[in-house]
């Protein structure tokens, strides 16, 4: 019986969730259940009963008028169909690009590490301060430049699949079952990656605590501790991105959570996009201005985590303002 219910869910998965569709779904389930139990009473096996029910009631083309969902079915027919080949291709590209994006993020987070370490060395007389700062800055810019190239390249590769996130589409039953199976098989790996990532982020503060408490008089070791902290955080975030992006690709195809048909129809929050377009260039200017004026590159990196936290708060405020505007509208 569970097989019939799953098949029914797939039959209606690409139809709009209107009251008519909900009613038709319940009505068809009742019809299928009645037929199933009737066949069982006649002595049919489980597989024979299920097969007969699906053959008789598994075609919405023949049942749409009886169920009163002609309009909804026409809407479905105007929806793009995505083949299993396209689905497999998208998932593989998403997995591959997630690794490049993760590498880019890793490079961005680790980009100030050498600058911080060289700054600490310079303070202890191991080289000229300006030369050390210049060397660290060059590495920082190279890391960021490579990361930007990775982001742009990955974005271009994924751009052709944007419609999967933004538009209605439909897949057949076998494709859905394939994606569900892949998603379930990957769930344990994702859990492991997330657990390791969280552990790394929690443990990342230990180097700072140890060097700050046990070696308080040796400030250079504290600088090293900050560098190790950033590397551990970068590794944890990399695991989050790789595992999260792969799981997201399955949700995109299955049109789950933030990728449901209803949420695709919701307008994007343009206010957040506008604020972000102004906010981050200003942060970059503040960072570069402060850094070049003071040459405290080993300190100014703190702008980035603080800016990220502040932007999260700004995003929440923008969403609240947007919701209030929609209610008034």
C-alpha atoms as a PDB file:
ATOM      1  CA  UNK A   1       0.000   0.000   0.000  1.00  0.00           C
ATOM      2  CA  UNK A   2       2.921   2.311   0.713  1.00  0.00           C
ATOM      3  CA  UNK A   3       4.099   1.828  -2.876  1.00  0.00           C
ATOM      4  CA  UNK A   4       0.751   3.079  -4.168  1.00  0.00           C
ATOM      5  CA  UNK A   5       0.906   6.159  -1.923  1.00  0.00           C
ATOM      6  CA  UNK A   6       4.433   6.957  -3.096  1.00  0.00           C
ATOM      7  CA  UNK A   7       3.370   6.543  -6.711  1.00  0.00           C
ATOM      8  CA  UNK A   8       0.405   8.844  -6.101  1.00  0.00           C
ATOM      9  CA  UNK A   9       2.691  11.487  -4.577  1.00  0.00           C
ATOM     10  CA  UNK A  10       4.848  11.381  -7.685  1.00  0.00           C
ATOM     11  CA  UNK A  11       1.822  11.633  -9.990  1.00  0.00           C
ATOM     12  CA  UNK A  12       0.761  14.881  -8.330  1.00  0.00           C
ATOM     13  CA  UNK A  13       4.216  16.241  -7.481  1.00  0.00           C
ATOM     14  CA  UNK A  14       4.371  18.629 -10.430  1.00  0.00           C
ATOM     15  CA  UNK A  15       0.819  19.941 -10.205  1.00  0.00           C
ATOM     16  CA  UNK A  16       0.095  23.228  -8.406  1.00  0.00           C
ATOM     17  CA  UNK A  17      -0.969  22.697  -4.796  1.00  0.00           C
ATOM     18  CA  UNK A  18      -4.471  24.094  -5.224  1.00  0.00           C
ATOM     19  CA  UNK A  19      -7.571  23.010  -3.311  1.00  0.00           C
ATOM     20  CA  UNK A  20      -8.821  21.188  -6.423  1.00  0.00           C
ATOM     21  CA  UNK A  21      -5.600  19.189  -6.704  1.00  0.00           C
ATOM     22  CA  UNK A  22      -5.646  18.306  -3.001  1.00  0.00           C
ATOM     23  CA  UNK A  23      -9.243  17.113  -3.267  1.00  0.00           C
ATOM     24  CA  UNK A  24      -8.514  15.127  -6.445  1.00  0.00           C
ATOM     25  CA  UNK A  25      -5.504  13.525  -4.795  1.00  0.00           C
ATOM     26  CA  UNK A  26      -7.567  12.374  -1.808  1.00  0.00           C
ATOM     27  CA  UNK A  27     -10.323  11.116  -4.087  1.00  0.00           C
ATOM     28  CA  UNK A  28      -7.918   9.146  -6.268  1.00  0.00           C
ATOM     29  CA  UNK A  29      -6.206   7.656  -3.205  1.00  0.00           C
ATOM     30  CA  UNK A  30      -9.579   6.415  -1.957  1.00  0.00           C
ATOM     31  CA  UNK A  31     -10.316   4.858  -5.348  1.00  0.00           C
ATOM     32  CA  UNK A  32      -6.906   3.175  -5.452  1.00  0.00           C
ATOM     33  CA  UNK A  33      -7.241   1.867  -1.892  1.00  0.00           C
ATOM     34  CA  UNK A  34     -10.693   0.436  -2.600  1.00  0.00           C
ATOM     35  CA  UNK A  35      -9.421  -1.304  -5.719  1.00  0.00           C
ATOM     36  CA  UNK A  36      -6.340  -2.595  -3.897  1.00  0.00           C
ATOM     37  CA  UNK A  37      -8.314  -4.189  -1.047  1.00  0.00           C
ATOM     38  CA  UNK A  38     -10.846  -5.591  -3.527  1.00  0.00           C
ATOM     39  CA  UNK A  39      -8.047  -7.334  -5.421  1.00  0.00           C
ATOM     40  CA  UNK A  40      -6.527  -8.641  -2.194  1.00  0.00           C
ATOM     41  CA  UNK A  41      -9.884 -10.182  -1.242  1.00  0.00           C
ATOM     42  CA  UNK A  42      -9.943 -11.895  -4.633  1.00  0.00           C
ATOM     43  CA  UNK A  43      -6.684 -13.614  -3.706  1.00  0.00           C
ATOM     44  CA  UNK A  44      -4.256 -11.475  -5.693  1.00  0.00           C
ATOM     45  CA  UNK A  45      -0.690 -11.198  -4.423  1.00  0.00           C
ATOM     46  CA  UNK A  46       0.708  -7.884  -3.164  1.00  0.00           C
ATOM     47  CA  UNK A  47       2.633  -7.228  -6.382  1.00  0.00           C
ATOM     48  CA  UNK A  48      -0.298  -8.218  -8.605  1.00  0.00           C
ATOM     49  CA  UNK A  49      -2.690  -5.938  -6.705  1.00  0.00           C
ATOM     50  CA  UNK A  50      -0.320  -2.975  -6.819  1.00  0.00           C
ATOM     51  CA  UNK A  51       0.435  -3.499 -10.511  1.00  0.00           C
ATOM     52  CA  UNK A  52      -3.269  -3.642 -11.409  1.00  0.00           C
ATOM     53  CA  UNK A  53      -4.072  -0.501  -9.381  1.00  0.00           C
ATOM     54  CA  UNK A  54      -1.267   1.473 -11.023  1.00  0.00           C
ATOM     55  CA  UNK A  55      -2.316   0.323 -14.499  1.00  0.00           C
ATOM     56  CA  UNK A  56      -5.936   1.351 -13.920  1.00  0.00           C
ATOM     57  CA  UNK A  57      -5.400   4.600 -12.032  1.00  0.00           C
ATOM     58  CA  UNK A  58      -1.843   5.609 -12.835  1.00  0.00           C
ATOM     59  CA  UNK A  59      -2.562   7.813 -15.851  1.00  0.00           C
ATOM     60  CA  UNK A  60      -3.662  11.360 -15.004  1.00  0.00           C
ATOM     61  CA  UNK A  61      -4.299  12.079 -18.690  1.00  0.00           C
ATOM     62  CA  UNK A  62      -7.271   9.730 -18.568  1.00  0.00           C
ATOM     63  CA  UNK A  63      -8.465  10.842 -15.122  1.00  0.00           C
ATOM     64  CA  UNK A  64      -8.068  14.621 -15.250  1.00  0.00           C
ATOM     65  CA  UNK A  65     -11.663  15.305 -16.365  1.00  0.00           C
ATOM     66  CA  UNK A  66     -13.163  12.851 -13.871  1.00  0.00           C
ATOM     67  CA  UNK A  67     -11.127  14.401 -11.055  1.00  0.00           C
ATOM     68  CA  UNK A  68     -11.853  17.960 -12.153  1.00  0.00           C
ATOM     69  CA  UNK A  69      -8.256  19.087 -12.570  1.00  0.00           C
ATOM     70  CA  UNK A  70      -8.204  19.867 -16.286  1.00  0.00           C
ATOM     71  CA  UNK A  71      -6.958  23.436 -15.781  1.00  0.00           C
ATOM     72  CA  UNK A  72      -4.218  22.365 -13.394  1.00  0.00           C
ATOM     73  CA  UNK A  73      -3.151  19.608 -15.760  1.00  0.00           C
ATOM     74  CA  UNK A  74      -2.916  22.080 -18.646  1.00  0.00           C
ATOM     75  CA  UNK A  75      -0.666  24.212 -16.458  1.00  0.00           C
ATOM     76  CA  UNK A  76       1.504  21.153 -15.876  1.00  0.00           C
ATOM     77  CA  UNK A  77       1.692  20.464 -19.612  1.00  0.00           C
ATOM     78  CA  UNK A  78       3.119  23.949 -20.093  1.00  0.00           C
ATOM     79  CA  UNK A  79       5.848  23.173 -17.549  1.00  0.00           C
ATOM     80  CA  UNK A  80       9.328  22.237 -18.718  1.00  0.00           C
ATOM     81  CA  UNK A  81      10.152  18.516 -18.523  1.00  0.00           C
ATOM     82  CA  UNK A  82      13.640  17.648 -17.278  1.00  0.00           C
ATOM     83  CA  UNK A  83      15.099  14.314 -18.395  1.00  0.00           C
ATOM     84  CA  UNK A  84      17.139  12.004 -16.191  1.00  0.00           C
ATOM     85  CA  UNK A  85      20.206  12.738 -18.348  1.00  0.00           C
ATOM     86  CA  UNK A  86      19.905  16.451 -17.547  1.00  0.00           C
ATOM     87  CA  UNK A  87      19.361  15.674 -13.869  1.00  0.00           C
ATOM     88  CA  UNK A  88      22.471  13.478 -13.686  1.00  0.00           C
ATOM     89  CA  UNK A  89      24.494  16.097 -15.549  1.00  0.00           C
ATOM     90  CA  UNK A  90      23.337  18.883 -13.214  1.00  0.00           C
ATOM     91  CA  UNK A  91      24.132  16.896 -10.067  1.00  0.00           C
ATOM     92  CA  UNK A  92      27.623  16.025 -11.333  1.00  0.00           C
ATOM     93  CA  UNK A  93      28.343  19.645 -12.301  1.00  0.00           C
ATOM     94  CA  UNK A  94      26.990  20.893  -8.962  1.00  0.00           C
ATOM     95  CA  UNK A  95      29.232  18.465  -7.057  1.00  0.00           C
ATOM     96  CA  UNK A  96      32.295  19.421  -9.101  1.00  0.00           C
ATOM     97  CA  UNK A  97      31.672  23.167  -8.834  1.00  0.00           C
ATOM     98  CA  UNK A  98      30.971  22.942  -5.096  1.00  0.00           C
ATOM     99  CA  UNK A  99      34.543  21.733  -4.597  1.00  0.00           C
ATOM    100  CA  UNK A 100      35.898  24.696  -6.550  1.00  0.00           C
ATOM    101  CA  UNK A 101      33.696  27.135  -4.662  1.00  0.00           C
ATOM    102  CA  UNK A 102      34.804  25.535  -1.392  1.00  0.00           C
ATOM    103  CA  UNK A 103      38.440  25.936  -2.443  1.00  0.00           C
ATOM    104  CA  UNK A 104      37.778  29.597  -3.259  1.00  0.00           C
ATOM    105  CA  UNK A 105      36.241  30.197   0.160  1.00  0.00           C
ATOM    106  CA  UNK A 106      39.158  28.359   1.802  1.00  0.00           C
ATOM    107  CA  UNK A 107      41.613  30.648   0.005  1.00  0.00           C
ATOM    108  CA  UNK A 108      39.659  33.766   1.007  1.00  0.00           C
ATOM    109  CA  UNK A 109      39.594  32.809   4.684  1.00  0.00           C
ATOM    110  CA  UNK A 110      43.258  31.788   4.690  1.00  0.00           C
ATOM    111  CA  UNK A 111      44.437  34.742   2.581  1.00  0.00           C
ATOM    112  CA  UNK A 112      45.429  36.943   5.561  1.00  0.00           C
ATOM    113  CA  UNK A 113      47.259  34.137   7.425  1.00  0.00           C
ATOM    114  CA  UNK A 114      50.712  34.826   5.966  1.00  0.00           C
ATOM    115  CA  UNK A 115      50.168  38.563   6.371  1.00  0.00           C
ATOM    116  CA  UNK A 116      49.360  38.069  10.053  1.00  0.00           C
ATOM    117  CA  UNK A 117      52.355  35.780  10.634  1.00  0.00           C
ATOM    118  CA  UNK A 118      54.786  38.052   8.778  1.00  0.00           C
ATOM    119  CA  UNK A 119      53.431  41.023  10.708  1.00  0.00           C
ATOM    120  CA  UNK A 120      54.180  39.188  13.938  1.00  0.00           C
ATOM    121  CA  UNK A 121      57.696  38.336  12.744  1.00  0.00           C
ATOM    122  CA  UNK A 122      58.327  41.955  11.786  1.00  0.00           C
ATOM    123  CA  UNK A 123      57.371  43.137  15.260  1.00  0.00           C
ATOM    124  CA  UNK A 124      60.055  40.853  16.695  1.00  0.00           C
ATOM    125  CA  UNK A 125      62.677  42.207  14.326  1.00  0.00           C
ATOM    126  CA  UNK A 126      62.712  39.329  11.850  1.00  0.00           C
ATOM    127  CA  UNK A 127      62.829  41.513   8.757  1.00  0.00           C
ATOM    128  CA  UNK A 128      61.653  44.914   7.592  1.00  0.00           C
ATOM    129  CA  UNK A 129      58.040  45.669   8.559  1.00  0.00           C
ATOM    130  CA  UNK A 130      57.132  47.223   5.197  1.00  0.00           C
ATOM    131  CA  UNK A 131      58.686  44.356   3.236  1.00  0.00           C
ATOM    132  CA  UNK A 132      56.898  41.801   5.389  1.00  0.00           C
ATOM    133  CA  UNK A 133      53.599  43.637   4.952  1.00  0.00           C
ATOM    134  CA  UNK A 134      54.120  43.836   1.188  1.00  0.00           C
ATOM    135  CA  UNK A 135      54.893  40.120   0.929  1.00  0.00           C
ATOM    136  CA  UNK A 136      51.861  39.179   2.986  1.00  0.00           C
ATOM    137  CA  UNK A 137      49.648  41.552   1.015  1.00  0.00           C
ATOM    138  CA  UNK A 138      50.794  40.071  -2.298  1.00  0.00           C
ATOM    139  CA  UNK A 139      49.902  36.566  -1.101  1.00  0.00           C
ATOM    140  CA  UNK A 140      46.541  37.839   0.174  1.00  0.00           C
ATOM    141  CA  UNK A 141      45.702  39.430  -3.178  1.00  0.00           C
ATOM    142  CA  UNK A 142      46.843  36.342  -5.126  1.00  0.00           C
ATOM    143  CA  UNK A 143      44.676  34.066  -2.963  1.00  0.00           C
ATOM    144  CA  UNK A 144      41.669  36.356  -3.354  1.00  0.00           C
ATOM    145  CA  UNK A 145      42.251  36.676  -7.119  1.00  0.00           C
ATOM    146  CA  UNK A 146      42.387  32.882  -7.532  1.00  0.00           C
ATOM    147  CA  UNK A 147      39.241  32.570  -5.414  1.00  0.00           C
ATOM    148  CA  UNK A 148      37.396  35.123  -7.548  1.00  0.00           C
ATOM    149  CA  UNK A 149      38.381  33.226 -10.707  1.00  0.00           C
ATOM    150  CA  UNK A 150      37.042  30.009  -9.163  1.00  0.00           C
ATOM    151  CA  UNK A 151      33.787  31.734  -8.169  1.00  0.00           C
ATOM    152  CA  UNK A 152      33.269  33.233 -11.623  1.00  0.00           C
ATOM    153  CA  UNK A 153      34.123  29.998 -13.442  1.00  0.00           C
ATOM    154  CA  UNK A 154      31.822  27.968 -11.189  1.00  0.00           C
ATOM    155  CA  UNK A 155      29.032  30.500 -11.580  1.00  0.00           C
ATOM    156  CA  UNK A 156      29.301  30.359 -15.366  1.00  0.00           C
ATOM    157  CA  UNK A 157      29.193  26.553 -15.347  1.00  0.00           C
ATOM    158  CA  UNK A 158      26.095  26.514 -13.124  1.00  0.00           C
ATOM    159  CA  UNK A 159      24.335  29.377 -14.889  1.00  0.00           C
ATOM    160  CA  UNK A 160      22.727  27.117 -17.502  1.00  0.00           C
ATOM    161  CA  UNK A 161      20.922  25.280 -14.687  1.00  0.00           C
ATOM    162  CA  UNK A 162      19.513  28.394 -12.981  1.00  0.00           C
ATOM    163  CA  UNK A 163      16.044  27.550 -14.296  1.00  0.00           C
ATOM    164  CA  UNK A 164      15.999  24.503 -12.015  1.00  0.00           C
ATOM    165  CA  UNK A 165      16.110  26.824  -8.998  1.00  0.00           C
ATOM    166  CA  UNK A 166      13.868  29.544 -10.367  1.00  0.00           C
ATOM    167  CA  UNK A 167      11.273  27.915 -12.630  1.00  0.00           C
ATOM    168  CA  UNK A 168       8.667  25.177 -12.450  1.00  0.00           C
ATOM    169  CA  UNK A 169       9.689  21.878 -13.998  1.00  0.00           C
ATOM    170  CA  UNK A 170       8.690  18.243 -13.863  1.00  0.00           C
ATOM    171  CA  UNK A 171      10.534  14.921 -13.743  1.00  0.00           C
ATOM    172  CA  UNK A 172       9.250  11.400 -14.220  1.00  0.00           C
ATOM    173  CA  UNK A 173       8.761   8.818 -11.479  1.00  0.00           C
ATOM    174  CA  UNK A 174      11.973   6.869 -12.147  1.00  0.00           C
ATOM    175  CA  UNK A 175      14.050  10.063 -12.065  1.00  0.00           C
ATOM    176  CA  UNK A 176      12.536  11.092  -8.751  1.00  0.00           C
ATOM    177  CA  UNK A 177      13.207   7.662  -7.267  1.00  0.00           C
ATOM    178  CA  UNK A 178      16.805   7.824  -8.496  1.00  0.00           C
ATOM    179  CA  UNK A 179      17.393  11.229  -6.870  1.00  0.00           C
ATOM    180  CA  UNK A 180      15.691  10.164  -3.638  1.00  0.00           C
ATOM    181  CA  UNK A 181      17.956   7.106  -3.499  1.00  0.00           C
ATOM    182  CA  UNK A 182      21.077   9.207  -4.117  1.00  0.00           C
ATOM    183  CA  UNK A 183      20.005  11.733  -1.492  1.00  0.00           C
ATOM    184  CA  UNK A 184      19.399   9.060   1.117  1.00  0.00           C
ATOM    185  CA  UNK A 185      22.718   7.356   0.324  1.00  0.00           C
ATOM    186  CA  UNK A 186      24.608  10.639   0.792  1.00  0.00           C
ATOM    187  CA  UNK A 187      22.844  11.651   4.023  1.00  0.00           C
ATOM    188  CA  UNK A 188      25.283   9.803   6.315  1.00  0.00           C
ATOM    189  CA  UNK A 189      28.286  11.347   4.536  1.00  0.00           C
ATOM    190  CA  UNK A 190      26.798  14.817   4.873  1.00  0.00           C
ATOM    191  CA  UNK A 191      26.179  14.241   8.569  1.00  0.00           C
ATOM    192  CA  UNK A 192      29.820  13.183   9.007  1.00  0.00           C
ATOM    193  CA  UNK A 193      31.126  16.236   7.094  1.00  0.00           C
ATOM    194  CA  UNK A 194      28.942  18.609   9.102  1.00  0.00           C
ATOM    195  CA  UNK A 195      29.985  16.988  12.387  1.00  0.00           C
ATOM    196  CA  UNK A 196      33.683  17.288  11.508  1.00  0.00           C
ATOM    197  CA  UNK A 197      33.175  20.867  10.309  1.00  0.00           C
ATOM    198  CA  UNK A 198      31.428  21.875  13.531  1.00  0.00           C
ATOM    199  CA  UNK A 199      34.138  20.169  15.592  1.00  0.00           C
ATOM    200  CA  UNK A 200      36.872  22.033  13.698  1.00  0.00           C
ATOM    201  CA  UNK A 201      35.119  25.384  14.185  1.00  0.00           C
ATOM    202  CA  UNK A 202      34.738  24.732  17.923  1.00  0.00           C
ATOM    203  CA  UNK A 203      38.320  23.488  18.328  1.00  0.00           C
ATOM    204  CA  UNK A 204      39.721  26.347  16.249  1.00  0.00           C
ATOM    205  CA  UNK A 205      39.749  28.680  19.270  1.00  0.00           C
ATOM    206  CA  UNK A 206      42.057  26.345  21.219  1.00  0.00           C
ATOM    207  CA  UNK A 207      45.296  27.607  19.562  1.00  0.00           C
ATOM    208  CA  UNK A 208      44.369  31.192  20.468  1.00  0.00           C
ATOM    209  CA  UNK A 209      43.489  30.228  24.039  1.00  0.00           C
ATOM    210  CA  UNK A 210      46.640  28.146  24.526  1.00  0.00           C
ATOM    211  CA  UNK A 211      49.034  30.734  23.100  1.00  0.00           C
ATOM    212  CA  UNK A 212      47.222  33.585  24.828  1.00  0.00           C
ATOM    213  CA  UNK A 213      47.170  31.973  28.278  1.00  0.00           C
ATOM    214  CA  UNK A 214      50.274  29.764  28.426  1.00  0.00           C
ATOM    215  CA  UNK A 215      52.548  31.931  26.276  1.00  0.00           C
ATOM    216  CA  UNK A 216      51.150  35.360  27.051  1.00  0.00           C
ATOM    217  CA  UNK A 217      54.568  37.011  27.049  1.00  0.00           C
ATOM    218  CA  UNK A 218      55.451  35.657  23.598  1.00  0.00           C
ATOM    219  CA  UNK A 219      53.071  37.645  21.398  1.00  0.00           C
ATOM    220  CA  UNK A 220      54.385  36.032  18.230  1.00  0.00           C
ATOM    221  CA  UNK A 221      52.913  32.689  19.291  1.00  0.00           C
ATOM    222  CA  UNK A 222      49.529  34.365  19.685  1.00  0.00           C
ATOM    223  CA  UNK A 223      49.832  35.502  16.078  1.00  0.00           C
ATOM    224  CA  UNK A 224      50.582  31.911  15.067  1.00  0.00           C
ATOM    225  CA  UNK A 225      47.515  30.849  17.038  1.00  0.00           C
ATOM    226  CA  UNK A 226      45.364  33.246  15.016  1.00  0.00           C
ATOM    227  CA  UNK A 227      46.756  31.769  11.798  1.00  0.00           C
ATOM    228  CA  UNK A 228      45.956  28.215  12.915  1.00  0.00           C
ATOM    229  CA  UNK A 229      42.497  29.405  13.975  1.00  0.00           C
ATOM    230  CA  UNK A 230      41.767  30.709  10.469  1.00  0.00           C
ATOM    231  CA  UNK A 231      43.036  27.528   8.792  1.00  0.00           C
ATOM    232  CA  UNK A 232      40.850  25.313  10.996  1.00  0.00           C
ATOM    233  CA  UNK A 233      37.794  27.501  10.396  1.00  0.00           C
ATOM    234  CA  UNK A 234      38.488  27.498   6.645  1.00  0.00           C
ATOM    235  CA  UNK A 235      38.679  23.693   6.650  1.00  0.00           C
ATOM    236  CA  UNK A 236      35.392  23.420   8.551  1.00  0.00           C
ATOM    237  CA  UNK A 237      33.624  25.842   6.217  1.00  0.00           C
ATOM    238  CA  UNK A 238      34.979  23.907   3.223  1.00  0.00           C
ATOM    239  CA  UNK A 239      33.329  20.736   4.529  1.00  0.00           C
ATOM    240  CA  UNK A 240      30.055  22.628   5.060  1.00  0.00           C
ATOM    241  CA  UNK A 241      30.062  23.915   1.476  1.00  0.00           C
ATOM    242  CA  UNK A 242      30.943  20.604  -0.181  1.00  0.00           C
ATOM    243  CA  UNK A 243      28.355  18.581   1.742  1.00  0.00           C
ATOM    244  CA  UNK A 244      25.688  21.286   1.732  1.00  0.00           C
ATOM    245  CA  UNK A 245      25.969  22.001  -1.990  1.00  0.00           C
ATOM    246  CA  UNK A 246      25.606  18.348  -2.924  1.00  0.00           C
ATOM    247  CA  UNK A 247      22.544  17.943  -0.705  1.00  0.00           C
ATOM    248  CA  UNK A 248      21.152  21.170  -2.139  1.00  0.00           C
ATOM    249  CA  UNK A 249      21.434  19.774  -5.680  1.00  0.00           C
ATOM    250  CA  UNK A 250      19.149  16.896  -4.671  1.00  0.00           C
ATOM    251  CA  UNK A 251      16.657  19.321  -3.099  1.00  0.00           C
ATOM    252  CA  UNK A 252      16.671  21.429  -6.269  1.00  0.00           C
ATOM    253  CA  UNK A 253      15.664  18.448  -8.405  1.00  0.00           C
ATOM    254  CA  UNK A 254      13.087  17.221  -5.889  1.00  0.00           C
ATOM    255  CA  UNK A 255      11.818  20.814  -5.480  1.00  0.00           C
ATOM    256  CA  UNK A 256      11.975  20.636  -1.694  1.00  0.00           C
ATOM    257  CA  UNK A 257      12.268  23.257   1.068  1.00  0.00           C
ATOM    258  CA  UNK A 258      13.351  26.617  -0.416  1.00  0.00           C
ATOM    259  CA  UNK A 259      13.002  25.228  -3.959  1.00  0.00           C
ATOM    260  CA  UNK A 260       9.300  24.340  -3.840  1.00  0.00           C
ATOM    261  CA  UNK A 261       7.074  25.641  -6.610  1.00  0.00           C
ATOM    262  CA  UNK A 262       5.383  28.077  -4.220  1.00  0.00           C
ATOM    263  CA  UNK A 263       8.662  29.651  -3.099  1.00  0.00           C
ATOM    264  CA  UNK A 264       9.879  29.931  -6.678  1.00  0.00           C
ATOM    265  CA  UNK A 265       6.885  32.129  -7.376  1.00  0.00           C
ATOM    266  CA  UNK A 266       7.694  34.467  -4.489  1.00  0.00           C
ATOM    267  CA  UNK A 267       9.491  37.651  -5.469  1.00  0.00           C
ATOM    268  CA  UNK A 268      13.114  38.012  -4.454  1.00  0.00           C
ATOM    269  CA  UNK A 269      13.906  40.573  -1.781  1.00  0.00           C
ATOM    270  CA  UNK A 270      15.331  43.362  -3.941  1.00  0.00           C
ATOM    271  CA  UNK A 271      16.096  45.435  -0.838  1.00  0.00           C
ATOM    272  CA  UNK A 272      18.726  42.921   0.319  1.00  0.00           C
ATOM    273  CA  UNK A 273      20.329  42.902  -3.131  1.00  0.00           C
ATOM    274  CA  UNK A 274      20.455  46.706  -3.211  1.00  0.00           C
ATOM    275  CA  UNK A 275      21.954  46.971   0.269  1.00  0.00           C
ATOM    276  CA  UNK A 276      24.515  44.233  -0.494  1.00  0.00           C
ATOM    277  CA  UNK A 277      25.582  46.071  -3.654  1.00  0.00           C
ATOM    278  CA  UNK A 278      26.479  49.098  -1.535  1.00  0.00           C
ATOM    279  CA  UNK A 279      27.556  47.406   1.703  1.00  0.00           C
ATOM    280  CA  UNK A 280      30.372  45.149   0.527  1.00  0.00           C
ATOM    281  CA  UNK A 281      32.195  47.723  -1.662  1.00  0.00           C
ATOM    282  CA  UNK A 282      32.110  50.092   1.347  1.00  0.00           C
ATOM    283  CA  UNK A 283      33.573  47.344   3.574  1.00  0.00           C
ATOM    284  CA  UNK A 284      36.369  46.742   1.044  1.00  0.00           C
ATOM    285  CA  UNK A 285      37.167  50.480   0.968  1.00  0.00           C
ATOM    286  CA  UNK A 286      37.231  50.647   4.781  1.00  0.00           C
ATOM    287  CA  UNK A 287      39.495  47.590   4.964  1.00  0.00           C
ATOM    288  CA  UNK A 288      41.980  48.827   2.379  1.00  0.00           C
ATOM    289  CA  UNK A 289      41.916  52.410   3.689  1.00  0.00           C
ATOM    290  CA  UNK A 290      42.529  51.386   7.303  1.00  0.00           C
ATOM    291  CA  UNK A 291      45.174  48.844   6.307  1.00  0.00           C
ATOM    292  CA  UNK A 292      47.196  51.136   4.034  1.00  0.00           C
ATOM    293  CA  UNK A 293      47.017  54.092   6.436  1.00  0.00           C
ATOM    294  CA  UNK A 294      48.121  52.112   9.498  1.00  0.00           C
ATOM    295  CA  UNK A 295      49.875  49.069   7.978  1.00  0.00           C
ATOM    296  CA  UNK A 296      48.249  47.046  10.761  1.00  0.00           C
ATOM    297  CA  UNK A 297      47.396  44.210   8.381  1.00  0.00           C
ATOM    298  CA  UNK A 298      47.614  41.709  11.232  1.00  0.00           C
ATOM    299  CA  UNK A 299      44.731  43.541  12.925  1.00  0.00           C
ATOM    300  CA  UNK A 300      42.545  44.841  10.102  1.00  0.00           C
ATOM    301  CA  UNK A 301      41.524  41.345   8.972  1.00  0.00           C
ATOM    302  CA  UNK A 302      39.026  41.366  11.851  1.00  0.00           C
ATOM    303  CA  UNK A 303      36.829  43.597   9.673  1.00  0.00           C
ATOM    304  CA  UNK A 304      35.704  40.600   7.580  1.00  0.00           C
ATOM    305  CA  UNK A 305      34.127  38.348  10.243  1.00  0.00           C
ATOM    306  CA  UNK A 306      32.554  41.414  11.884  1.00  0.00           C
ATOM    307  CA  UNK A 307      31.214  42.588   8.514  1.00  0.00           C
ATOM    308  CA  UNK A 308      29.746  39.139   7.874  1.00  0.00           C
ATOM    309  CA  UNK A 309      27.931  39.102  11.215  1.00  0.00           C
ATOM    310  CA  UNK A 310      26.648  42.651  10.694  1.00  0.00           C
ATOM    311  CA  UNK A 311      25.414  41.821   7.193  1.00  0.00           C
ATOM    312  CA  UNK A 312      23.464  38.872   8.596  1.00  0.00           C
ATOM    313  CA  UNK A 313      21.678  41.273  10.941  1.00  0.00           C
ATOM    314  CA  UNK A 314      21.072  43.734   8.099  1.00  0.00           C
ATOM    315  CA  UNK A 315      19.573  40.935   5.974  1.00  0.00           C
ATOM    316  CA  UNK A 316      17.131  40.039   8.753  1.00  0.00           C
ATOM    317  CA  UNK A 317      16.081  43.690   9.085  1.00  0.00           C
ATOM    318  CA  UNK A 318      15.619  44.000   5.305  1.00  0.00           C
ATOM    319  CA  UNK A 319      13.440  40.878   5.245  1.00  0.00           C
ATOM    320  CA  UNK A 320      11.276  42.249   8.075  1.00  0.00           C
ATOM    321  CA  UNK A 321      10.883  45.579   6.265  1.00  0.00           C
ATOM    322  CA  UNK A 322      10.044  43.757   3.018  1.00  0.00           C
ATOM    323  CA  UNK A 323       7.406  41.593   4.741  1.00  0.00           C
ATOM    324  CA  UNK A 324       5.766  44.665   6.306  1.00  0.00           C
ATOM    325  CA  UNK A 325       5.774  46.368   2.915  1.00  0.00           C
ATOM    326  CA  UNK A 326       4.063  43.348   1.312  1.00  0.00           C
ATOM    327  CA  UNK A 327       1.408  43.294   4.058  1.00  0.00           C
ATOM    328  CA  UNK A 328       0.651  46.998   3.589  1.00  0.00           C
ATOM    329  CA  UNK A 329       0.638  46.526  -0.193  1.00  0.00           C
END
